[in-house]
Amino acid sequence: MSDIESLKAEIKKLSARATTMKMNLHDLSEELPINWQNIMTIAQQTQDAYAALEAARKALKELEAKAA
């Protein structure tokens, strides 16, 4: 499997994780004030997931540009 294909597969996984975290944050917000103590933890995990996804997408763009 090429680096580009591997990175695309990784992006797919990261995208699914980011979407899951987004939904977890959304669900938490709908349940407030229950579990308000978890806001920062879930928010940080969501931010981390989207940061990893953005970094992977940037790396893919760079690889595709080099391959072209």
PDB file of N, CA and C in Angstrom:
ATOM      1  N   MET A   1       0.848  -1.174   0.000  1.00  0.00           N
ATOM      2  CA  MET A   1       0.000   0.000   0.000  1.00  0.00           C
ATOM      3  C   MET A   1       0.895   1.238   0.000  1.00  0.00           C
ATOM      4  N   SER A   2       0.603   2.187  -0.858  1.00  0.00           N
ATOM      5  CA  SER A   2       1.424   3.393  -0.947  1.00  0.00           C
ATOM      6  C   SER A   2       1.200   4.289   0.258  1.00  0.00           C
ATOM      7  N   ASP A   3       2.111   5.250   0.414  1.00  0.00           N
ATOM      8  CA  ASP A   3       1.970   6.209   1.507  1.00  0.00           C
ATOM      9  C   ASP A   3       0.667   6.987   1.391  1.00  0.00           C
ATOM     10  N   ILE A   4       0.307   7.354   0.174  1.00  0.00           N
ATOM     11  CA  ILE A   4      -0.924   8.118  -0.040  1.00  0.00           C
ATOM     12  C   ILE A   4      -2.134   7.285   0.337  1.00  0.00           C
ATOM     13  N   GLU A   5      -2.155   6.031  -0.084  1.00  0.00           N
ATOM     14  CA  GLU A   5      -3.277   5.153   0.258  1.00  0.00           C
ATOM     15  C   GLU A   5      -3.356   4.926   1.764  1.00  0.00           C
ATOM     16  N   SER A   6      -2.217   4.746   2.397  1.00  0.00           N
ATOM     17  CA  SER A   6      -2.182   4.559   3.849  1.00  0.00           C
ATOM     18  C   SER A   6      -2.707   5.787   4.570  1.00  0.00           C
ATOM     19  N   LEU A   7      -2.292   6.947   4.089  1.00  0.00           N
ATOM     20  CA  LEU A   7      -2.732   8.187   4.712  1.00  0.00           C
ATOM     21  C   LEU A   7      -4.231   8.409   4.507  1.00  0.00           C
ATOM     22  N   LYS A   8      -4.733   8.037   3.338  1.00  0.00           N
ATOM     23  CA  LYS A   8      -6.180   8.151   3.092  1.00  0.00           C
ATOM     24  C   LYS A   8      -6.962   7.242   4.046  1.00  0.00           C
ATOM     25  N   ALA A   9      -6.448   6.054   4.292  1.00  0.00           N
ATOM     26  CA  ALA A   9      -7.102   5.135   5.233  1.00  0.00           C
ATOM     27  C   ALA A   9      -7.050   5.706   6.645  1.00  0.00           C
ATOM     28  N   GLU A  10      -5.933   6.300   7.003  1.00  0.00           N
ATOM     29  CA  GLU A  10      -5.796   6.917   8.317  1.00  0.00           C
ATOM     30  C   GLU A  10      -6.752   8.100   8.459  1.00  0.00           C
ATOM     31  N   ILE A  11      -6.887   8.892   7.409  1.00  0.00           N
ATOM     32  CA  ILE A  11      -7.809  10.026   7.435  1.00  0.00           C
ATOM     33  C   ILE A  11      -9.242   9.551   7.630  1.00  0.00           C
ATOM     34  N   LYS A  12      -9.584   8.450   7.007  1.00  0.00           N
ATOM     35  CA  LYS A  12     -10.933   7.899   7.168  1.00  0.00           C
ATOM     36  C   LYS A  12     -11.188   7.539   8.633  1.00  0.00           C
ATOM     37  N   LYS A  13     -10.210   6.913   9.275  1.00  0.00           N
ATOM     38  CA  LYS A  13     -10.333   6.553  10.684  1.00  0.00           C
ATOM     39  C   LYS A  13     -10.408   7.800  11.562  1.00  0.00           C
ATOM     40  N   LEU A  14      -9.543   8.772  11.274  1.00  0.00           N
ATOM     41  CA  LEU A  14      -9.532  10.007  12.056  1.00  0.00           C
ATOM     42  C   LEU A  14     -10.836  10.782  11.888  1.00  0.00           C
ATOM     43  N   SER A  15     -11.373  10.758  10.692  1.00  0.00           N
ATOM     44  CA  SER A  15     -12.638  11.446  10.434  1.00  0.00           C
ATOM     45  C   SER A  15     -13.767  10.805  11.232  1.00  0.00           C
ATOM     46  N   ALA A  16     -13.785   9.493  11.275  1.00  0.00           N
ATOM     47  CA  ALA A  16     -14.806   8.791  12.056  1.00  0.00           C
ATOM     48  C   ALA A  16     -14.660   9.107  13.540  1.00  0.00           C
ATOM     49  N   ARG A  17     -13.429   9.148  14.012  1.00  0.00           N
ATOM     50  CA  ARG A  17     -13.189   9.474  15.431  1.00  0.00           C
ATOM     51  C   ARG A  17     -13.623  10.902  15.730  1.00  0.00           C
ATOM     52  N   ALA A  18     -13.292  11.834  14.843  1.00  0.00           N
ATOM     53  CA  ALA A  18     -13.669  13.231  15.048  1.00  0.00           C
ATOM     54  C   ALA A  18     -15.188  13.384  15.069  1.00  0.00           C
ATOM     55  N   THR A  19     -15.852  12.693  14.187  1.00  0.00           N
ATOM     56  CA  THR A  19     -17.315  12.750  14.151  1.00  0.00           C
ATOM     57  C   THR A  19     -17.907  12.179  15.434  1.00  0.00           C
ATOM     58  N   THR A  20     -17.346  11.091  15.903  1.00  0.00           N
ATOM     59  CA  THR A  20     -17.808  10.501  17.159  1.00  0.00           C
ATOM     60  C   THR A  20     -17.623  11.473  18.318  1.00  0.00           C
ATOM     61  N   MET A  21     -16.469  12.120  18.367  1.00  0.00           N
ATOM     62  CA  MET A  21     -16.210  13.072  19.438  1.00  0.00           C
ATOM     63  C   MET A  21     -17.151  14.270  19.348  1.00  0.00           C
ATOM     64  N   LYS A  22     -17.424  14.711  18.135  1.00  0.00           N
ATOM     65  CA  LYS A  22     -18.357  15.822  17.943  1.00  0.00           C
ATOM     66  C   LYS A  22     -19.726  15.449  18.492  1.00  0.00           C
ATOM     67  N   MET A  23     -20.167  14.246  18.213  1.00  0.00           N
ATOM     68  CA  MET A  23     -21.466  13.799  18.696  1.00  0.00           C
ATOM     69  C   MET A  23     -21.465  13.631  20.225  1.00  0.00           C
ATOM     70  N   ASN A  24     -20.348  13.180  20.776  1.00  0.00           N
ATOM     71  CA  ASN A  24     -20.241  13.069  22.233  1.00  0.00           C
ATOM     72  C   ASN A  24     -20.370  14.445  22.887  1.00  0.00           C
ATOM     73  N   LEU A  25     -19.718  15.433  22.281  1.00  0.00           N
ATOM     74  CA  LEU A  25     -19.798  16.793  22.801  1.00  0.00           C
ATOM     75  C   LEU A  25     -21.220  17.332  22.667  1.00  0.00           C
ATOM     76  N   HIS A  26     -21.838  17.055  21.552  1.00  0.00           N
ATOM     77  CA  HIS A  26     -23.225  17.479  21.330  1.00  0.00           C
ATOM     78  C   HIS A  26     -24.157  16.830  22.346  1.00  0.00           C
ATOM     79  N   ASP A  27     -24.012  15.526  22.549  1.00  0.00           N
ATOM     80  CA  ASP A  27     -24.847  14.812  23.511  1.00  0.00           C
ATOM     81  C   ASP A  27     -24.653  15.368  24.918  1.00  0.00           C
ATOM     82  N   LEU A  28     -23.410  15.647  25.264  1.00  0.00           N
ATOM     83  CA  LEU A  28     -23.120  16.211  26.578  1.00  0.00           C
ATOM     84  C   LEU A  28     -23.825  17.556  26.741  1.00  0.00           C
ATOM     85  N   SER A  29     -23.787  18.377  25.714  1.00  0.00           N
ATOM     86  CA  SER A  29     -24.409  19.699  25.808  1.00  0.00           C
ATOM     87  C   SER A  29     -25.923  19.595  25.983  1.00  0.00           C
ATOM     88  N   GLU A  30     -26.520  18.588  25.380  1.00  0.00           N
ATOM     89  CA  GLU A  30     -27.964  18.417  25.515  1.00  0.00           C
ATOM     90  C   GLU A  30     -28.368  17.908  26.902  1.00  0.00           C
ATOM     91  N   GLU A  31     -27.435  17.267  27.592  1.00  0.00           N
ATOM     92  CA  GLU A  31     -27.731  16.700  28.908  1.00  0.00           C
ATOM     93  C   GLU A  31     -27.440  17.670  30.049  1.00  0.00           C
ATOM     94  N   LEU A  32     -26.853  18.808  29.738  1.00  0.00           N
ATOM     95  CA  LEU A  32     -26.489  19.761  30.792  1.00  0.00           C
ATOM     96  C   LEU A  32     -27.713  20.147  31.600  1.00  0.00           C
ATOM     97  N   PRO A  33     -27.565  20.307  32.887  1.00  0.00           N
ATOM     98  CA  PRO A  33     -26.343  20.401  33.684  1.00  0.00           C
ATOM     99  C   PRO A  33     -25.782  19.057  34.168  1.00  0.00           C
ATOM    100  N   ILE A  34     -26.397  17.953  33.772  1.00  0.00           N
ATOM    101  CA  ILE A  34     -25.859  16.646  34.156  1.00  0.00           C
ATOM    102  C   ILE A  34     -24.486  16.477  33.501  1.00  0.00           C
ATOM    103  N   ASN A  35     -23.548  15.964  34.249  1.00  0.00           N
ATOM    104  CA  ASN A  35     -22.173  15.685  33.780  1.00  0.00           C
ATOM    105  C   ASN A  35     -21.420  16.927  33.313  1.00  0.00           C
ATOM    106  N   TRP A  36     -21.758  18.085  33.835  1.00  0.00           N
ATOM    107  CA  TRP A  36     -21.065  19.305  33.425  1.00  0.00           C
ATOM    108  C   TRP A  36     -19.564  19.219  33.711  1.00  0.00           C
ATOM    109  N   GLN A  37     -19.178  18.359  34.650  1.00  0.00           N
ATOM    110  CA  GLN A  37     -17.759  18.205  35.007  1.00  0.00           C
ATOM    111  C   GLN A  37     -16.937  17.637  33.843  1.00  0.00           C
ATOM    112  N   ASN A  38     -17.598  17.020  32.892  1.00  0.00           N
ATOM    113  CA  ASN A  38     -16.897  16.387  31.767  1.00  0.00           C
ATOM    114  C   ASN A  38     -16.708  17.316  30.568  1.00  0.00           C
ATOM    115  N   ILE A  39     -17.203  18.537  30.657  1.00  0.00           N
ATOM    116  CA  ILE A  39     -17.143  19.444  29.505  1.00  0.00           C
ATOM    117  C   ILE A  39     -15.719  19.611  28.994  1.00  0.00           C
ATOM    118  N   MET A  40     -14.798  19.943  29.857  1.00  0.00           N
ATOM    119  CA  MET A  40     -13.422  20.215  29.419  1.00  0.00           C
ATOM    120  C   MET A  40     -12.740  18.970  28.854  1.00  0.00           C
ATOM    121  N   THR A  41     -12.992  17.831  29.450  1.00  0.00           N
ATOM    122  CA  THR A  41     -12.386  16.580  28.972  1.00  0.00           C
ATOM    123  C   THR A  41     -12.876  16.233  27.574  1.00  0.00           C
ATOM    124  N   ILE A  42     -14.194  16.258  27.389  1.00  0.00           N
ATOM    125  CA  ILE A  42     -14.764  15.921  26.080  1.00  0.00           C
ATOM    126  C   ILE A  42     -14.372  16.960  25.044  1.00  0.00           C
ATOM    127  N   ALA A  43     -14.380  18.230  25.446  1.00  0.00           N
ATOM    128  CA  ALA A  43     -13.998  19.296  24.511  1.00  0.00           C
ATOM    129  C   ALA A  43     -12.540  19.137  24.073  1.00  0.00           C
ATOM    130  N   GLN A  44     -11.650  18.799  24.996  1.00  0.00           N
ATOM    131  CA  GLN A  44     -10.240  18.614  24.650  1.00  0.00           C
ATOM    132  C   GLN A  44     -10.055  17.406  23.734  1.00  0.00           C
ATOM    133  N   GLN A  45     -10.764  16.334  24.010  1.00  0.00           N
ATOM    134  CA  GLN A  45     -10.675  15.154  23.154  1.00  0.00           C
ATOM    135  C   GLN A  45     -11.193  15.462  21.750  1.00  0.00           C
ATOM    136  N   THR A  46     -12.241  16.267  21.669  1.00  0.00           N
ATOM    137  CA  THR A  46     -12.788  16.662  20.373  1.00  0.00           C
ATOM    138  C   THR A  46     -11.787  17.532  19.625  1.00  0.00           C
ATOM    139  N   GLN A  47     -11.200  18.486  20.327  1.00  0.00           N
ATOM    140  CA  GLN A  47     -10.198  19.348  19.706  1.00  0.00           C
ATOM    141  C   GLN A  47      -9.001  18.532  19.214  1.00  0.00           C
ATOM    142  N   ASP A  48      -8.551  17.597  20.011  1.00  0.00           N
ATOM    143  CA  ASP A  48      -7.420  16.750  19.625  1.00  0.00           C
ATOM    144  C   ASP A  48      -7.749  15.918  18.381  1.00  0.00           C
ATOM    145  N   ALA A  49      -8.966  15.391  18.331  1.00  0.00           N
ATOM    146  CA  ALA A  49      -9.374  14.579  17.184  1.00  0.00           C
ATOM    147  C   ALA A  49      -9.384  15.405  15.904  1.00  0.00           C
ATOM    148  N   TYR A  50      -9.923  16.614  15.976  1.00  0.00           N
ATOM    149  CA  TYR A  50      -9.965  17.459  14.784  1.00  0.00           C
ATOM    150  C   TYR A  50      -8.584  17.987  14.400  1.00  0.00           C
ATOM    151  N   ALA A  51      -7.727  18.228  15.376  1.00  0.00           N
ATOM    152  CA  ALA A  51      -6.362  18.651  15.079  1.00  0.00           C
ATOM    153  C   ALA A  51      -5.600  17.542  14.352  1.00  0.00           C
ATOM    154  N   ALA A  52      -5.766  16.311  14.808  1.00  0.00           N
ATOM    155  CA  ALA A  52      -5.112  15.175  14.146  1.00  0.00           C
ATOM    156  C   ALA A  52      -5.643  14.994  12.733  1.00  0.00           C
ATOM    157  N   LEU A  53      -6.939  15.159  12.556  1.00  0.00           N
ATOM    158  CA  LEU A  53      -7.547  15.038  11.225  1.00  0.00           C
ATOM    159  C   LEU A  53      -7.016  16.128  10.296  1.00  0.00           C
ATOM    160  N   GLU A  54      -6.951  17.346  10.773  1.00  0.00           N
ATOM    161  CA  GLU A  54      -6.444  18.451   9.959  1.00  0.00           C
ATOM    162  C   GLU A  54      -4.980  18.231   9.576  1.00  0.00           C
ATOM    163  N   ALA A  55      -4.174  17.761  10.508  1.00  0.00           N
ATOM    164  CA  ALA A  55      -2.766  17.499  10.231  1.00  0.00           C
ATOM    165  C   ALA A  55      -2.612  16.401   9.181  1.00  0.00           C
ATOM    166  N   ALA A  56      -3.417  15.372   9.276  1.00  0.00           N
ATOM    167  CA  ALA A  56      -3.351  14.274   8.305  1.00  0.00           C
ATOM    168  C   ALA A  56      -3.785  14.751   6.918  1.00  0.00           C
ATOM    169  N   ARG A  57      -4.813  15.565   6.869  1.00  0.00           N
ATOM    170  CA  ARG A  57      -5.257  16.103   5.574  1.00  0.00           C
ATOM    171  C   ARG A  57      -4.181  16.986   4.947  1.00  0.00           C
ATOM    172  N   LYS A  58      -3.504  17.765   5.764  1.00  0.00           N
ATOM    173  CA  LYS A  58      -2.411  18.612   5.268  1.00  0.00           C
ATOM    174  C   LYS A  58      -1.275  17.739   4.731  1.00  0.00           C
ATOM    175  N   ALA A  59      -0.937  16.695   5.466  1.00  0.00           N
ATOM    176  CA  ALA A  59       0.131  15.790   5.032  1.00  0.00           C
ATOM    177  C   ALA A  59      -0.240  15.113   3.716  1.00  0.00           C
ATOM    178  N   LEU A  60      -1.500  14.741   3.562  1.00  0.00           N
ATOM    179  CA  LEU A  60      -1.963  14.115   2.318  1.00  0.00           C
ATOM    180  C   LEU A  60      -1.830  15.084   1.150  1.00  0.00           C
ATOM    181  N   LYS A  61      -2.227  16.329   1.355  1.00  0.00           N
ATOM    182  CA  LYS A  61      -2.094  17.334   0.295  1.00  0.00           C
ATOM    183  C   LYS A  61      -0.645  17.473  -0.141  1.00  0.00           C
ATOM    184  N   GLU A  62       0.252  17.499   0.829  1.00  0.00           N
ATOM    185  CA  GLU A  62       1.676  17.637   0.528  1.00  0.00           C
ATOM    186  C   GLU A  62       2.197  16.418  -0.236  1.00  0.00           C
ATOM    187  N   LEU A  63       1.781  15.220   0.169  1.00  0.00           N
ATOM    188  CA  LEU A  63       2.205  14.010  -0.536  1.00  0.00           C
ATOM    189  C   LEU A  63       1.673  13.978  -1.956  1.00  0.00           C
ATOM    190  N   GLU A  64       0.422  14.370  -2.115  1.00  0.00           N
ATOM    191  CA  GLU A  64      -0.185  14.374  -3.451  1.00  0.00           C
ATOM    192  C   GLU A  64       0.486  15.413  -4.347  1.00  0.00           C
ATOM    193  N   ALA A  65       0.881  16.541  -3.777  1.00  0.00           N
ATOM    194  CA  ALA A  65       1.558  17.571  -4.559  1.00  0.00           C
ATOM    195  C   ALA A  65       2.924  17.081  -5.020  1.00  0.00           C
ATOM    196  N   LYS A  66       3.624  16.354  -4.164  1.00  0.00           N
ATOM    197  CA  LYS A  66       4.943  15.809  -4.522  1.00  0.00           C
ATOM    198  C   LYS A  66       4.806  14.725  -5.591  1.00  0.00           C
ATOM    199  N   ALA A  67       3.717  13.956  -5.523  1.00  0.00           N
ATOM    200  CA  ALA A  67       3.508  12.857  -6.461  1.00  0.00           C
ATOM    201  C   ALA A  67       3.098  13.352  -7.845  1.00  0.00           C
ATOM    202  N   ALA A  68       2.565  14.553  -7.888  1.00  0.00           N
ATOM    203  CA  ALA A  68       2.064  15.090  -9.175  1.00  0.00           C
ATOM    204  C   ALA A  68       3.154  15.579 -10.074  1.00  0.00           C
TER     205      ALA A  68
END
